[in-house]
Each structure stands twice: as C-alpha cells, then as structure tokens.
C-alpha cells in the first residue's frame, strides 16, 4: 500500500510552484519569529553561563579525603 502523494510536491518530492506561492506570505514573518526564538535561547544561555561563572561556591563543604580507601573483596578464586 503506497502513501498517497500530495499535490504540492512533484514526483521528485520538490516543492511545486503552488506550494512556493502559498508559503511566500509567511516567509518573512517565520524568519523573524525564528530569529527571535533563537536570540532568546542564546540570551538565556549567556545569562546562565555568566551567572554561574560568578559563583565561587564558598558555601559548599567539601568532605575530607578518606585516610584509607575502602577494601574491596577479593574476587579471584
């Protein structure tokens, strides 16, 4: 059973002129929307990196190194 082919694409699955004409009014708006979303994501990423880079982590207590490592049971028989 074959998948029915859309009339907006030719036999090589390229866009037909009708599809290009139908999408043309939205092209500029979609580019601006995509650029705005991309810019927002980059802004959040940059803000997060700068906020974390300023933290010195002085309030985090690091446990002392154990004096003797735990002994693993001998697995060789």
N, C-alpha and C. Protein backbone atom coordinates (compact mmCIF):
# COMPACT_ATOMS: atom_id res chain seq x y z
N UNK A 1 0.84 -1.17 0.00
CA UNK A 1 0.00 0.00 0.00
C UNK A 1 0.90 1.24 0.00
N UNK A 2 0.77 2.07 -0.99
CA UNK A 2 1.61 3.26 -1.14
C UNK A 2 0.98 4.45 -0.42
N UNK A 3 1.85 5.32 0.03
CA UNK A 3 1.39 6.55 0.67
C UNK A 3 0.93 7.50 -0.43
N UNK A 4 -0.26 8.07 -0.30
CA UNK A 4 -0.73 8.98 -1.35
C UNK A 4 0.16 10.22 -1.42
N UNK A 5 0.47 10.62 -2.63
CA UNK A 5 1.36 11.75 -2.86
C UNK A 5 0.58 13.06 -2.79
N UNK A 6 1.13 14.03 -2.10
CA UNK A 6 0.49 15.34 -2.00
C UNK A 6 0.63 16.06 -3.33
N UNK A 7 -0.36 16.85 -3.66
CA UNK A 7 -0.30 17.58 -4.92
C UNK A 7 0.65 18.77 -4.86
N UNK A 8 1.16 19.08 -3.67
CA UNK A 8 2.07 20.21 -3.54
C UNK A 8 3.51 19.84 -3.86
N UNK A 9 3.79 18.56 -4.06
CA UNK A 9 5.14 18.11 -4.37
C UNK A 9 5.12 17.32 -5.67
N UNK A 10 6.19 17.43 -6.46
CA UNK A 10 6.25 16.68 -7.71
C UNK A 10 6.76 15.27 -7.44
N UNK A 11 7.01 14.51 -8.50
CA UNK A 11 7.41 13.11 -8.31
C UNK A 11 8.79 12.97 -7.69
N UNK A 12 9.58 14.03 -7.68
CA UNK A 12 10.90 14.01 -7.04
C UNK A 12 10.85 14.66 -5.66
N UNK A 13 9.64 14.90 -5.16
CA UNK A 13 9.39 15.49 -3.84
C UNK A 13 9.99 16.89 -3.70
N UNK A 14 9.98 17.63 -4.79
CA UNK A 14 10.35 19.04 -4.74
C UNK A 14 9.08 19.87 -4.62
N UNK A 15 9.20 21.06 -4.07
CA UNK A 15 8.04 21.92 -3.90
C UNK A 15 7.53 22.38 -5.26
N UNK A 16 6.22 22.35 -5.39
CA UNK A 16 5.62 22.84 -6.63
C UNK A 16 5.52 24.36 -6.56
N UNK A 17 5.34 24.99 -7.70
CA UNK A 17 5.16 26.45 -7.68
C UNK A 17 3.97 26.89 -6.83
N UNK A 18 2.93 26.07 -6.76
CA UNK A 18 1.77 26.42 -5.94
C UNK A 18 2.14 26.45 -4.46
N UNK A 19 2.94 25.51 -4.02
CA UNK A 19 3.36 25.49 -2.62
C UNK A 19 4.27 26.67 -2.30
N UNK A 20 5.14 27.00 -3.22
CA UNK A 20 6.03 28.15 -3.02
C UNK A 20 5.22 29.43 -2.92
N UNK A 21 4.22 29.59 -3.78
CA UNK A 21 3.35 30.77 -3.72
C UNK A 21 2.54 30.80 -2.43
N UNK A 22 2.10 29.64 -1.95
CA UNK A 22 1.29 29.60 -0.73
C UNK A 22 2.11 29.94 0.50
N UNK A 23 3.38 29.59 0.49
CA UNK A 23 4.24 29.84 1.65
C UNK A 23 4.88 31.22 1.63
N UNK A 24 4.87 31.89 0.51
CA UNK A 24 5.57 33.16 0.35
C UNK A 24 5.11 34.24 1.34
N UNK A 25 3.81 34.42 1.61
CA UNK A 25 3.43 35.49 2.55
C UNK A 25 3.94 35.27 3.97
N UNK A 26 4.25 34.05 4.33
CA UNK A 26 4.67 33.74 5.70
C UNK A 26 6.18 33.67 5.86
N UNK A 27 6.92 33.78 4.78
CA UNK A 27 8.36 33.58 4.82
C UNK A 27 9.06 34.58 5.73
N UNK A 28 8.80 35.86 5.56
CA UNK A 28 9.48 36.89 6.34
C UNK A 28 9.08 36.81 7.81
N UNK A 29 7.79 36.61 8.07
CA UNK A 29 7.32 36.51 9.45
C UNK A 29 7.94 35.30 10.15
N UNK A 30 8.04 34.19 9.44
CA UNK A 30 8.65 32.99 10.03
C UNK A 30 10.14 33.19 10.30
N UNK A 31 10.82 33.90 9.42
CA UNK A 31 12.24 34.18 9.64
C UNK A 31 12.43 35.05 10.87
N UNK A 32 11.61 36.09 11.03
CA UNK A 32 11.71 36.96 12.21
C UNK A 32 11.37 36.20 13.49
N UNK A 33 10.35 35.37 13.43
CA UNK A 33 9.97 34.58 14.61
C UNK A 33 11.08 33.61 14.99
N UNK A 34 11.66 32.94 14.01
CA UNK A 34 12.76 32.01 14.28
C UNK A 34 13.97 32.73 14.84
N UNK A 35 14.27 33.91 14.30
CA UNK A 35 15.41 34.68 14.81
C UNK A 35 15.15 35.15 16.24
N UNK A 36 13.91 35.53 16.54
CA UNK A 36 13.58 35.96 17.90
C UNK A 36 13.70 34.81 18.89
N UNK A 37 13.21 33.64 18.52
CA UNK A 37 13.32 32.48 19.42
C UNK A 37 14.77 32.09 19.60
N UNK A 38 15.54 32.10 18.52
CA UNK A 38 16.96 31.77 18.60
C UNK A 38 17.70 32.78 19.49
N UNK A 39 17.41 34.07 19.31
CA UNK A 39 18.04 35.10 20.12
C UNK A 39 17.68 34.97 21.59
N UNK A 40 16.43 34.65 21.88
CA UNK A 40 16.02 34.44 23.27
C UNK A 40 16.76 33.27 23.89
N UNK A 41 16.87 32.17 23.16
CA UNK A 41 17.56 30.99 23.68
C UNK A 41 19.04 31.29 23.93
N UNK A 42 19.69 31.99 23.03
CA UNK A 42 21.09 32.36 23.22
C UNK A 42 21.24 33.31 24.40
N UNK A 43 20.29 34.23 24.56
CA UNK A 43 20.32 35.15 25.69
C UNK A 43 20.19 34.44 27.02
N UNK A 44 19.28 33.48 27.11
CA UNK A 44 19.13 32.70 28.35
C UNK A 44 20.39 31.91 28.62
N UNK A 45 20.97 31.31 27.59
CA UNK A 45 22.20 30.54 27.75
C UNK A 45 23.34 31.44 28.25
N UNK A 46 23.51 32.60 27.63
CA UNK A 46 24.59 33.51 28.02
C UNK A 46 24.39 34.02 29.45
N UNK A 47 23.15 34.36 29.79
CA UNK A 47 22.87 34.82 31.15
C UNK A 47 23.20 33.73 32.17
N UNK A 48 22.81 32.50 31.87
CA UNK A 48 23.07 31.39 32.79
C UNK A 48 24.56 31.15 32.97
N UNK A 49 25.31 31.16 31.89
CA UNK A 49 26.75 30.95 31.97
C UNK A 49 27.41 32.06 32.79
N UNK A 50 27.00 33.30 32.57
CA UNK A 50 27.59 34.41 33.33
C UNK A 50 27.21 34.35 34.80
N UNK A 51 25.98 33.94 35.10
CA UNK A 51 25.54 33.86 36.50
C UNK A 51 26.28 32.75 37.23
N UNK A 52 26.50 31.64 36.59
CA UNK A 52 27.20 30.52 37.24
C UNK A 52 28.68 30.82 37.35
N UNK A 53 29.25 31.52 36.39
CA UNK A 53 30.68 31.83 36.42
C UNK A 53 31.02 32.76 37.59
N UNK A 54 30.08 33.56 38.06
CA UNK A 54 30.34 34.49 39.15
C UNK A 54 30.30 33.80 40.51
N UNK A 55 29.73 32.63 40.59
CA UNK A 55 29.61 31.94 41.87
C UNK A 55 30.94 31.31 42.24
N UNK A 56 31.35 31.52 43.49
CA UNK A 56 32.63 31.00 43.97
C UNK A 56 32.47 29.66 44.68
N UNK A 57 31.26 29.26 44.98
CA UNK A 57 30.97 28.00 45.67
C UNK A 57 31.69 27.91 47.02
N UNK A 58 31.83 29.04 47.71
CA UNK A 58 32.48 29.05 49.02
C UNK A 58 31.61 28.41 50.09
N UNK A 59 30.32 28.40 49.90
CA UNK A 59 29.42 27.85 50.91
C UNK A 59 29.27 26.33 50.80
N UNK A 60 29.86 25.72 49.80
CA UNK A 60 29.76 24.27 49.63
C UNK A 60 30.88 23.61 50.42
N UNK A 61 30.51 22.70 51.30
CA UNK A 61 31.51 22.00 52.11
C UNK A 61 31.98 20.76 51.36
N UNK A 62 33.27 20.65 51.20
CA UNK A 62 33.87 19.51 50.53
C UNK A 62 34.34 18.55 51.61
N UNK A 63 33.91 17.29 51.57
CA UNK A 63 34.34 16.35 52.61
C UNK A 63 35.83 16.06 52.49
N UNK A 64 36.43 15.74 53.65
CA UNK A 64 37.85 15.40 53.66
C UNK A 64 38.08 14.09 52.93
N UNK A 65 39.28 13.95 52.41
CA UNK A 65 39.64 12.72 51.71
C UNK A 65 39.76 11.60 52.73
N UNK A 66 39.19 10.42 52.44
CA UNK A 66 39.31 9.32 53.41
C UNK A 66 40.77 8.92 53.58
N UNK A 67 41.13 8.56 54.83
CA UNK A 67 42.52 8.21 55.11
C UNK A 67 42.90 6.88 54.48
N UNK A 68 41.96 5.94 54.42
CA UNK A 68 42.24 4.65 53.82
C UNK A 68 41.07 4.31 52.90
N UNK A 69 41.36 3.97 51.64
CA UNK A 69 40.26 3.65 50.73
C UNK A 69 39.54 2.38 51.20
N UNK A 70 38.26 2.27 50.93
CA UNK A 70 37.53 1.07 51.34
C UNK A 70 38.11 -0.16 50.65
N UNK A 71 38.15 -1.27 51.39
CA UNK A 71 38.74 -2.50 50.88
C UNK A 71 37.69 -3.27 50.09
N UNK A 72 38.01 -3.56 48.84
CA UNK A 72 37.10 -4.34 48.00
C UNK A 72 37.37 -5.82 48.24
N UNK A 73 36.33 -6.65 48.27
CA UNK A 73 36.55 -8.09 48.46
C UNK A 73 37.33 -8.67 47.29
N UNK A 74 38.13 -9.67 47.59
CA UNK A 74 38.95 -10.33 46.57
C UNK A 74 38.05 -11.22 45.72
N UNK A 75 37.97 -10.95 44.44
CA UNK A 75 37.08 -11.70 43.56
C UNK A 75 37.79 -12.88 42.91
N UNK A 76 39.10 -13.00 43.06
CA UNK A 76 39.80 -14.12 42.42
C UNK A 76 39.60 -15.39 43.25
N UNK A 77 39.32 -16.49 42.54
CA UNK A 77 39.08 -17.74 43.27
C UNK A 77 40.06 -18.80 42.86
